[in-house]
């Protein structure tokens, strides 16, 4: 029963989080700003733009990293986009 609950929880989590590294990076960025902003005396008016630019930078890095990975083959023989007739 516990294994079923864990599997169900993973599926529900997967509905909201597709890329674990992207979600973790954004959470780390938010936490870092929460810790560093008072120390670095970042004004309140700059907090939102810094958060936004950091999230955009993380997203761009994630897209570039994903674009370098090879696509999985659609057919067992490895020929993508060709049809056998």
PDB file of N, CA and C in Angstrom:
ATOM      1  N   UNK A   1       0.824  -1.194   0.000  1.00  0.00           N
ATOM      2  CA  UNK A   1       0.000   0.000   0.000  1.00  0.00           C
ATOM      3  C   UNK A   1       0.868   1.257   0.000  1.00  0.00           C
ATOM      4  N   UNK A   2       1.950   1.223   0.744  1.00  0.00           N
ATOM      5  CA  UNK A   2       2.845   2.390   0.800  1.00  0.00           C
ATOM      6  C   UNK A   2       3.486   2.623  -0.574  1.00  0.00           C
ATOM      7  N   UNK A   3       3.851   1.533  -1.253  1.00  0.00           N
ATOM      8  CA  UNK A   3       4.456   1.682  -2.579  1.00  0.00           C
ATOM      9  C   UNK A   3       3.479   2.333  -3.557  1.00  0.00           C
ATOM     10  N   UNK A   4       2.208   2.001  -3.441  1.00  0.00           N
ATOM     11  CA  UNK A   4       1.199   2.620  -4.303  1.00  0.00           C
ATOM     12  C   UNK A   4       1.056   4.105  -3.998  1.00  0.00           C
ATOM     13  N   UNK A   5       1.096   4.457  -2.720  1.00  0.00           N
ATOM     14  CA  UNK A   5       0.993   5.872  -2.338  1.00  0.00           C
ATOM     15  C   UNK A   5       2.197   6.659  -2.839  1.00  0.00           C
ATOM     16  N   UNK A   6       3.372   6.057  -2.741  1.00  0.00           N
ATOM     17  CA  UNK A   6       4.581   6.735  -3.218  1.00  0.00           C
ATOM     18  C   UNK A   6       4.521   6.912  -4.731  1.00  0.00           C
ATOM     19  N   UNK A   7       4.085   5.871  -5.446  1.00  0.00           N
ATOM     20  CA  UNK A   7       3.969   5.980  -6.905  1.00  0.00           C
ATOM     21  C   UNK A   7       2.946   7.042  -7.292  1.00  0.00           C
ATOM     22  N   UNK A   8       1.832   7.095  -6.572  1.00  0.00           N
ATOM     23  CA  UNK A   8       0.809   8.090  -6.863  1.00  0.00           C
ATOM     24  C   UNK A   8       1.326   9.503  -6.564  1.00  0.00           C
ATOM     25  N   UNK A   9       2.066   9.664  -5.461  1.00  0.00           N
ATOM     26  CA  UNK A   9       2.623  10.966  -5.112  1.00  0.00           C
ATOM     27  C   UNK A   9       3.622  11.426  -6.174  1.00  0.00           C
ATOM     28  N   UNK A  10       4.410  10.493  -6.708  1.00  0.00           N
ATOM     29  CA  UNK A  10       5.370  10.854  -7.762  1.00  0.00           C
ATOM     30  C   UNK A  10       4.655  11.308  -9.027  1.00  0.00           C
ATOM     31  N   UNK A  11       3.557  10.648  -9.358  1.00  0.00           N
ATOM     32  CA  UNK A  11       2.807  11.038 -10.552  1.00  0.00           C
ATOM     33  C   UNK A  11       2.181  12.419 -10.367  1.00  0.00           C
ATOM     34  N   UNK A  12       1.643  12.694  -9.190  1.00  0.00           N
ATOM     35  CA  UNK A  12       1.059  14.013  -8.924  1.00  0.00           C
ATOM     36  C   UNK A  12       2.155  15.079  -8.954  1.00  0.00           C
ATOM     37  N   UNK A  13       3.306  14.784  -8.361  1.00  0.00           N
ATOM     38  CA  UNK A  13       4.442  15.703  -8.386  1.00  0.00           C
ATOM     39  C   UNK A  13       4.879  15.950  -9.825  1.00  0.00           C
ATOM     40  N   UNK A  14       4.881  14.906 -10.650  1.00  0.00           N
ATOM     41  CA  UNK A  14       5.274  15.029 -12.049  1.00  0.00           C
ATOM     42  C   UNK A  14       4.333  15.895 -12.862  1.00  0.00           C
ATOM     43  N   UNK A  15       3.080  16.023 -12.419  1.00  0.00           N
ATOM     44  CA  UNK A  15       2.149  16.907 -13.106  1.00  0.00           C
ATOM     45  C   UNK A  15       2.563  18.368 -12.979  1.00  0.00           C
ATOM     46  N   UNK A  16       3.185  18.711 -11.870  1.00  0.00           N
ATOM     47  CA  UNK A  16       3.547  20.099 -11.601  1.00  0.00           C
ATOM     48  C   UNK A  16       5.010  20.400 -11.893  1.00  0.00           C
ATOM     49  N   UNK A  17       5.869  19.411 -11.766  1.00  0.00           N
ATOM     50  CA  UNK A  17       7.299  19.610 -11.968  1.00  0.00           C
ATOM     51  C   UNK A  17       7.763  18.643 -13.044  1.00  0.00           C
ATOM     52  N   UNK A  18       8.078  19.173 -14.217  1.00  0.00           N
ATOM     53  CA  UNK A  18       8.531  18.332 -15.322  1.00  0.00           C
ATOM     54  C   UNK A  18      10.051  18.176 -15.287  1.00  0.00           C
ATOM     55  N   UNK A  19      10.749  19.230 -14.977  1.00  0.00           N
ATOM     56  CA  UNK A  19      12.208  19.219 -14.971  1.00  0.00           C
ATOM     57  C   UNK A  19      12.681  19.506 -13.546  1.00  0.00           C
ATOM     58  N   UNK A  20      13.225  18.494 -12.909  1.00  0.00           N
ATOM     59  CA  UNK A  20      13.643  18.634 -11.516  1.00  0.00           C
ATOM     60  C   UNK A  20      14.745  19.669 -11.338  1.00  0.00           C
ATOM     61  N   UNK A  21      15.705  19.697 -12.254  1.00  0.00           N
ATOM     62  CA  UNK A  21      16.814  20.628 -12.099  1.00  0.00           C
ATOM     63  C   UNK A  21      16.358  22.080 -12.240  1.00  0.00           C
ATOM     64  N   UNK A  22      15.390  22.326 -13.118  1.00  0.00           N
ATOM     65  CA  UNK A  22      14.861  23.685 -13.276  1.00  0.00           C
ATOM     66  C   UNK A  22      14.142  24.131 -12.001  1.00  0.00           C
ATOM     67  N   UNK A  23      13.304  23.259 -11.464  1.00  0.00           N
ATOM     68  CA  UNK A  23      12.574  23.599 -10.242  1.00  0.00           C
ATOM     69  C   UNK A  23      13.525  23.823  -9.077  1.00  0.00           C
ATOM     70  N   UNK A  24      14.523  22.961  -8.940  1.00  0.00           N
ATOM     71  CA  UNK A  24      15.480  23.106  -7.849  1.00  0.00           C
ATOM     72  C   UNK A  24      16.309  24.382  -8.004  1.00  0.00           C
ATOM     73  N   UNK A  25      16.711  24.698  -9.227  1.00  0.00           N
ATOM     74  CA  UNK A  25      17.499  25.915  -9.468  1.00  0.00           C
ATOM     75  C   UNK A  25      16.717  27.169  -9.095  1.00  0.00           C
ATOM     76  N   UNK A  26      15.440  27.198  -9.449  1.00  0.00           N
ATOM     77  CA  UNK A  26      14.627  28.373  -9.121  1.00  0.00           C
ATOM     78  C   UNK A  26      14.422  28.481  -7.615  1.00  0.00           C
ATOM     79  N   UNK A  27      14.196  27.357  -6.947  1.00  0.00           N
ATOM     80  CA  UNK A  27      14.056  27.396  -5.485  1.00  0.00           C
ATOM     81  C   UNK A  27      15.339  27.870  -4.814  1.00  0.00           C
ATOM     82  N   UNK A  28      16.484  27.412  -5.310  1.00  0.00           N
ATOM     83  CA  UNK A  28      17.772  27.854  -4.756  1.00  0.00           C
ATOM     84  C   UNK A  28      17.966  29.346  -5.008  1.00  0.00           C
ATOM     85  N   UNK A  29      17.594  29.835  -6.191  1.00  0.00           N
ATOM     86  CA  UNK A  29      17.715  31.261  -6.509  1.00  0.00           C
ATOM     87  C   UNK A  29      16.854  32.104  -5.568  1.00  0.00           C
ATOM     88  N   UNK A  30      15.617  31.672  -5.324  1.00  0.00           N
ATOM     89  CA  UNK A  30      14.729  32.409  -4.422  1.00  0.00           C
ATOM     90  C   UNK A  30      15.295  32.415  -3.011  1.00  0.00           C
ATOM     91  N   UNK A  31      15.787  31.258  -2.550  1.00  0.00           N
ATOM     92  CA  UNK A  31      16.372  31.191  -1.210  1.00  0.00           C
ATOM     93  C   UNK A  31      17.623  32.061  -1.114  1.00  0.00           C
ATOM     94  N   UNK A  32      18.460  32.040  -2.149  1.00  0.00           N
ATOM     95  CA  UNK A  32      19.679  32.855  -2.137  1.00  0.00           C
ATOM     96  C   UNK A  32      19.345  34.339  -2.063  1.00  0.00           C
ATOM     97  N   UNK A  33      18.347  34.768  -2.809  1.00  0.00           N
ATOM     98  CA  UNK A  33      17.946  36.174  -2.738  1.00  0.00           C
ATOM     99  C   UNK A  33      17.396  36.526  -1.361  1.00  0.00           C
ATOM    100  N   UNK A  34      16.673  35.602  -0.768  1.00  0.00           N
ATOM    101  CA  UNK A  34      16.118  35.838   0.564  1.00  0.00           C
ATOM    102  C   UNK A  34      17.230  36.019   1.593  1.00  0.00           C
ATOM    103  N   UNK A  35      18.318  35.270   1.413  1.00  0.00           N
ATOM    104  CA  UNK A  35      19.433  35.354   2.364  1.00  0.00           C
ATOM    105  C   UNK A  35      20.341  36.539   2.047  1.00  0.00           C
ATOM    106  N   UNK A  36      20.632  36.769   0.761  1.00  0.00           N
ATOM    107  CA  UNK A  36      21.627  37.770   0.366  1.00  0.00           C
ATOM    108  C   UNK A  36      21.057  39.188   0.334  1.00  0.00           C
ATOM    109  N   UNK A  37      19.791  39.342   0.011  1.00  0.00           N
ATOM    110  CA  UNK A  37      19.209  40.681  -0.148  1.00  0.00           C
ATOM    111  C   UNK A  37      19.378  41.554   1.098  1.00  0.00           C
ATOM    112  N   UNK A  38      19.101  41.067   2.293  1.00  0.00           N
ATOM    113  CA  UNK A  38      19.313  41.930   3.460  1.00  0.00           C
ATOM    114  C   UNK A  38      20.790  42.245   3.715  1.00  0.00           C
ATOM    115  N   UNK A  39      21.667  41.304   3.389  1.00  0.00           N
ATOM    116  CA  UNK A  39      23.100  41.514   3.623  1.00  0.00           C
ATOM    117  C   UNK A  39      23.660  42.508   2.615  1.00  0.00           C
ATOM    118  N   UNK A  40      23.246  42.399   1.349  1.00  0.00           N
ATOM    119  CA  UNK A  40      23.770  43.256   0.289  1.00  0.00           C
ATOM    120  C   UNK A  40      23.016  44.579   0.185  1.00  0.00           C
ATOM    121  N   UNK A  41      22.059  44.783   1.043  1.00  0.00           N
ATOM    122  CA  UNK A  41      21.269  46.021   1.055  1.00  0.00           C
ATOM    123  C   UNK A  41      20.626  46.307  -0.296  1.00  0.00           C
ATOM    124  N   UNK A  42      20.037  45.264  -0.897  1.00  0.00           N
ATOM    125  CA  UNK A  42      19.297  45.449  -2.144  1.00  0.00           C
ATOM    126  C   UNK A  42      17.997  46.156  -1.810  1.00  0.00           C
ATOM    127  N   UNK A  43      17.753  47.260  -2.492  1.00  0.00           N
ATOM    128  CA  UNK A  43      16.536  48.025  -2.224  1.00  0.00           C
ATOM    129  C   UNK A  43      15.311  47.225  -2.638  1.00  0.00           C
ATOM    130  N   UNK A  44      14.201  47.520  -2.010  1.00  0.00           N
ATOM    131  CA  UNK A  44      12.953  46.811  -2.284  1.00  0.00           C
ATOM    132  C   UNK A  44      12.523  46.959  -3.740  1.00  0.00           C
ATOM    133  N   UNK A  45      12.829  48.096  -4.346  1.00  0.00           N
ATOM    134  CA  UNK A  45      12.426  48.317  -5.733  1.00  0.00           C
ATOM    135  C   UNK A  45      13.228  47.457  -6.714  1.00  0.00           C
ATOM    136  N   UNK A  46      14.414  46.997  -6.315  1.00  0.00           N
ATOM    137  CA  UNK A  46      15.250  46.174  -7.176  1.00  0.00           C
ATOM    138  C   UNK A  46      15.057  44.686  -6.940  1.00  0.00           C
ATOM    139  N   UNK A  47      14.338  44.310  -5.912  1.00  0.00           N
ATOM    140  CA  UNK A  47      14.196  42.891  -5.569  1.00  0.00           C
ATOM    141  C   UNK A  47      13.455  42.117  -6.667  1.00  0.00           C
ATOM    142  N   UNK A  48      12.360  42.649  -7.168  1.00  0.00           N
ATOM    143  CA  UNK A  48      11.585  41.955  -8.203  1.00  0.00           C
ATOM    144  C   UNK A  48      12.364  41.841  -9.518  1.00  0.00           C
ATOM    145  N   UNK A  49      12.990  42.911 -10.012  1.00  0.00           N
ATOM    146  CA  UNK A  49      13.765  42.746 -11.252  1.00  0.00           C
ATOM    147  C   UNK A  49      14.928  41.758 -11.112  1.00  0.00           C
ATOM    148  N   UNK A  50      15.592  41.749  -9.967  1.00  0.00           N
ATOM    149  CA  UNK A  50      16.693  40.797  -9.757  1.00  0.00           C
ATOM    150  C   UNK A  50      16.153  39.371  -9.746  1.00  0.00           C
ATOM    151  N   UNK A  51      15.018  39.154  -9.084  1.00  0.00           N
ATOM    152  CA  UNK A  51      14.391  37.836  -9.070  1.00  0.00           C
ATOM    153  C   UNK A  51      14.005  37.411 -10.475  1.00  0.00           C
ATOM    154  N   UNK A  52      13.387  38.318 -11.229  1.00  0.00           N
ATOM    155  CA  UNK A  52      12.960  38.017 -12.595  1.00  0.00           C
ATOM    156  C   UNK A  52      14.151  37.697 -13.495  1.00  0.00           C
ATOM    157  N   UNK A  53      15.181  38.520 -13.464  1.00  0.00           N
ATOM    158  CA  UNK A  53      16.342  38.294 -14.324  1.00  0.00           C
ATOM    159  C   UNK A  53      17.057  36.992 -13.972  1.00  0.00           C
ATOM    160  N   UNK A  54      17.113  36.672 -12.702  1.00  0.00           N
ATOM    161  CA  UNK A  54      17.712  35.397 -12.304  1.00  0.00           C
ATOM    162  C   UNK A  54      16.914  34.211 -12.818  1.00  0.00           C
ATOM    163  N   UNK A  55      15.592  34.288 -12.723  1.00  0.00           N
ATOM    164  CA  UNK A  55      14.738  33.203 -13.227  1.00  0.00           C
ATOM    165  C   UNK A  55      14.852  33.075 -14.740  1.00  0.00           C
ATOM    166  N   UNK A  56      14.938  34.191 -15.453  1.00  0.00           N
ATOM    167  CA  UNK A  56      15.114  34.148 -16.902  1.00  0.00           C
ATOM    168  C   UNK A  56      16.464  33.526 -17.248  1.00  0.00           C
ATOM    169  N   UNK A  57      17.498  33.886 -16.513  1.00  0.00           N
ATOM    170  CA  UNK A  57      18.819  33.297 -16.747  1.00  0.00           C
ATOM    171  C   UNK A  57      18.822  31.795 -16.506  1.00  0.00           C
ATOM    172  N   UNK A  58      18.154  31.359 -15.461  1.00  0.00           N
ATOM    173  CA  UNK A  58      18.056  29.931 -15.168  1.00  0.00           C
ATOM    174  C   UNK A  58      17.288  29.223 -16.277  1.00  0.00           C
ATOM    175  N   UNK A  59      16.207  29.813 -16.755  1.00  0.00           N
ATOM    176  CA  UNK A  59      15.417  29.218 -17.828  1.00  0.00           C
ATOM    177  C   UNK A  59      16.229  29.111 -19.113  1.00  0.00           C
ATOM    178  N   UNK A  60      16.971  30.144 -19.459  1.00  0.00           N
ATOM    179  CA  UNK A  60      17.799  30.116 -20.673  1.00  0.00           C
ATOM    180  C   UNK A  60      18.866  29.033 -20.564  1.00  0.00           C
ATOM    181  N   UNK A  61      19.500  28.932 -19.413  1.00  0.00           N
ATOM    182  CA  UNK A  61      20.514  27.892 -19.208  1.00  0.00           C
ATOM    183  C   UNK A  61      19.901  26.511 -19.343  1.00  0.00           C
ATOM    184  N   UNK A  62      18.712  26.323 -18.804  1.00  0.00           N
ATOM    185  CA  UNK A  62      18.049  25.034 -18.866  1.00  0.00           C
ATOM    186  C   UNK A  62      17.674  24.670 -20.302  1.00  0.00           C
ATOM    187  N   UNK A  63      17.195  25.634 -21.070  1.00  0.00           N
ATOM    188  CA  UNK A  63      16.837  25.378 -22.468  1.00  0.00           C
ATOM    189  C   UNK A  63      18.082  25.055 -23.288  1.00  0.00           C
ATOM    190  N   UNK A  64      19.171  25.775 -23.066  1.00  0.00           N
ATOM    191  CA  UNK A  64      20.408  25.495 -23.797  1.00  0.00           C
ATOM    192  C   UNK A  64      20.951  24.109 -23.458  1.00  0.00           C
ATOM    193  N   UNK A  65      20.883  23.730 -22.194  1.00  0.00           N
ATOM    194  CA  UNK A  65      21.352  22.407 -21.776  1.00  0.00           C
ATOM    195  C   UNK A  65      20.480  21.314 -22.395  1.00  0.00           C
ATOM    196  N   UNK A  66      19.180  21.537 -22.427  1.00  0.00           N
ATOM    197  CA  UNK A  66      18.263  20.543 -23.007  1.00  0.00           C
ATOM    198  C   UNK A  66      18.441  20.445 -24.519  1.00  0.00           C
ATOM    199  N   UNK A  67      18.807  21.547 -25.162  1.00  0.00           N
ATOM    200  CA  UNK A  67      18.970  21.514 -26.618  1.00  0.00           C
ATOM    201  C   UNK A  67      20.222  20.745 -27.031  1.00  0.00           C
ATOM    202  N   UNK A  68      21.180  20.606 -26.144  1.00  0.00           N
ATOM    203  CA  UNK A  68      22.403  19.861 -26.453  1.00  0.00           C
ATOM    204  C   UNK A  68      22.225  18.353 -26.328  1.00  0.00           C
ATOM    205  N   UNK A  69      21.161  17.912 -25.657  1.00  0.00           N
ATOM    206  CA  UNK A  69      20.928  16.479 -25.483  1.00  0.00           C
ATOM    207  C   UNK A  69      20.327  15.903 -26.757  1.00  0.00           C
ATOM    208  N   UNK A  70      20.760  14.711 -27.134  1.00  0.00           N
ATOM    209  CA  UNK A  70      20.199  14.102 -28.348  1.00  0.00           C
ATOM    210  C   UNK A  70      18.743  13.698 -28.133  1.00  0.00           C
ATOM    211  N   UNK A  71      17.978  13.770 -29.220  1.00  0.00           N
ATOM    212  CA  UNK A  71      16.576  13.382 -29.152  1.00  0.00           C
ATOM    213  C   UNK A  71      16.464  11.862 -29.117  1.00  0.00           C
ATOM    214  N   UNK A  72      15.516  11.354 -28.364  1.00  0.00           N
ATOM    215  CA  UNK A  72      15.325   9.895 -28.373  1.00  0.00           C
ATOM    216  C   UNK A  72      14.755   9.464 -29.716  1.00  0.00           C
ATOM    217  N   UNK A  73      15.166   8.297 -30.169  1.00  0.00           N
ATOM    218  CA  UNK A  73      14.690   7.839 -31.476  1.00  0.00           C
ATOM    219  C   UNK A  73      13.228   7.421 -31.381  1.00  0.00           C
ATOM    220  N   UNK A  74      12.490   7.715 -32.430  1.00  0.00           N
ATOM    221  CA  UNK A  74      11.065   7.412 -32.460  1.00  0.00           C
ATOM    222  C   UNK A  74      10.813   5.970 -32.864  1.00  0.00           C
ATOM    223  N   UNK A  75      11.742   5.373 -33.593  1.00  0.00           N
ATOM    224  CA  UNK A  75      11.584   4.008 -34.055  1.00  0.00           C
ATOM    225  C   UNK A  75      12.717   3.157 -33.500  1.00  0.00           C
ATOM    226  N   UNK A  76      12.495   1.849 -33.368  1.00  0.00           N
ATOM    227  CA  UNK A  76      13.529   0.987 -32.792  1.00  0.00           C
ATOM    228  C   UNK A  76      14.815   0.925 -33.591  1.00  0.00           C
ATOM    229  N   UNK A  77      14.760   1.131 -34.914  1.00  0.00           N
ATOM    230  CA  UNK A  77      15.974   1.044 -35.716  1.00  0.00           C
ATOM    231  C   UNK A  77      16.785   2.331 -35.705  1.00  0.00           C
ATOM    232  N   UNK A  78      16.265   3.388 -35.071  1.00  0.00           N
ATOM    233  CA  UNK A  78      17.011   4.627 -34.939  1.00  0.00           C
ATOM    234  C   UNK A  78      16.811   5.625 -36.048  1.00  0.00           C
ATOM    235  N   UNK A  79      16.009   5.317 -37.058  1.00  0.00           N
ATOM    236  CA  UNK A  79      15.759   6.249 -38.153  1.00  0.00           C
ATOM    237  C   UNK A  79      14.557   7.111 -37.811  1.00  0.00           C
ATOM    238  N   UNK A  80      14.808   8.358 -37.565  1.00  0.00           N
ATOM    239  CA  UNK A  80      13.738   9.274 -37.212  1.00  0.00           C
ATOM    240  C   UNK A  80      13.261   9.973 -38.469  1.00  0.00           C
ATOM    241  N   UNK A  81      11.964  10.026 -38.684  1.00  0.00           N
ATOM    242  CA  UNK A  81      11.388  10.773 -39.795  1.00  0.00           C
ATOM    243  C   UNK A  81      11.355  10.025 -41.107  1.00  0.00           C
ATOM    244  N   UNK A  82      11.739   8.774 -41.128  1.00  0.00           N
ATOM    245  CA  UNK A  82      11.649   8.010 -42.362  1.00  0.00           C
ATOM    246  C   UNK A  82      10.568   6.955 -42.210  1.00  0.00           C
ATOM    247  N   UNK A  83       9.880   6.716 -43.267  1.00  0.00           N
ATOM    248  CA  UNK A  83       8.821   5.701 -43.230  1.00  0.00           C
ATOM    249  C   UNK A  83       9.209   4.536 -44.145  1.00  0.00           C
ATOM    250  N   UNK A  84       8.840   3.376 -43.708  1.00  0.00           N
ATOM    251  CA  UNK A  84       9.111   2.182 -44.509  1.00  0.00           C
ATOM    252  C   UNK A  84       7.843   1.835 -45.282  1.00  0.00           C
ATOM    253  N   UNK A  85       7.949   1.833 -46.588  1.00  0.00           N
ATOM    254  CA  UNK A  85       6.782   1.525 -47.417  1.00  0.00           C
ATOM    255  C   UNK A  85       7.075   0.390 -48.337  1.00  0.00           C
TER     256      UNK A  85
END
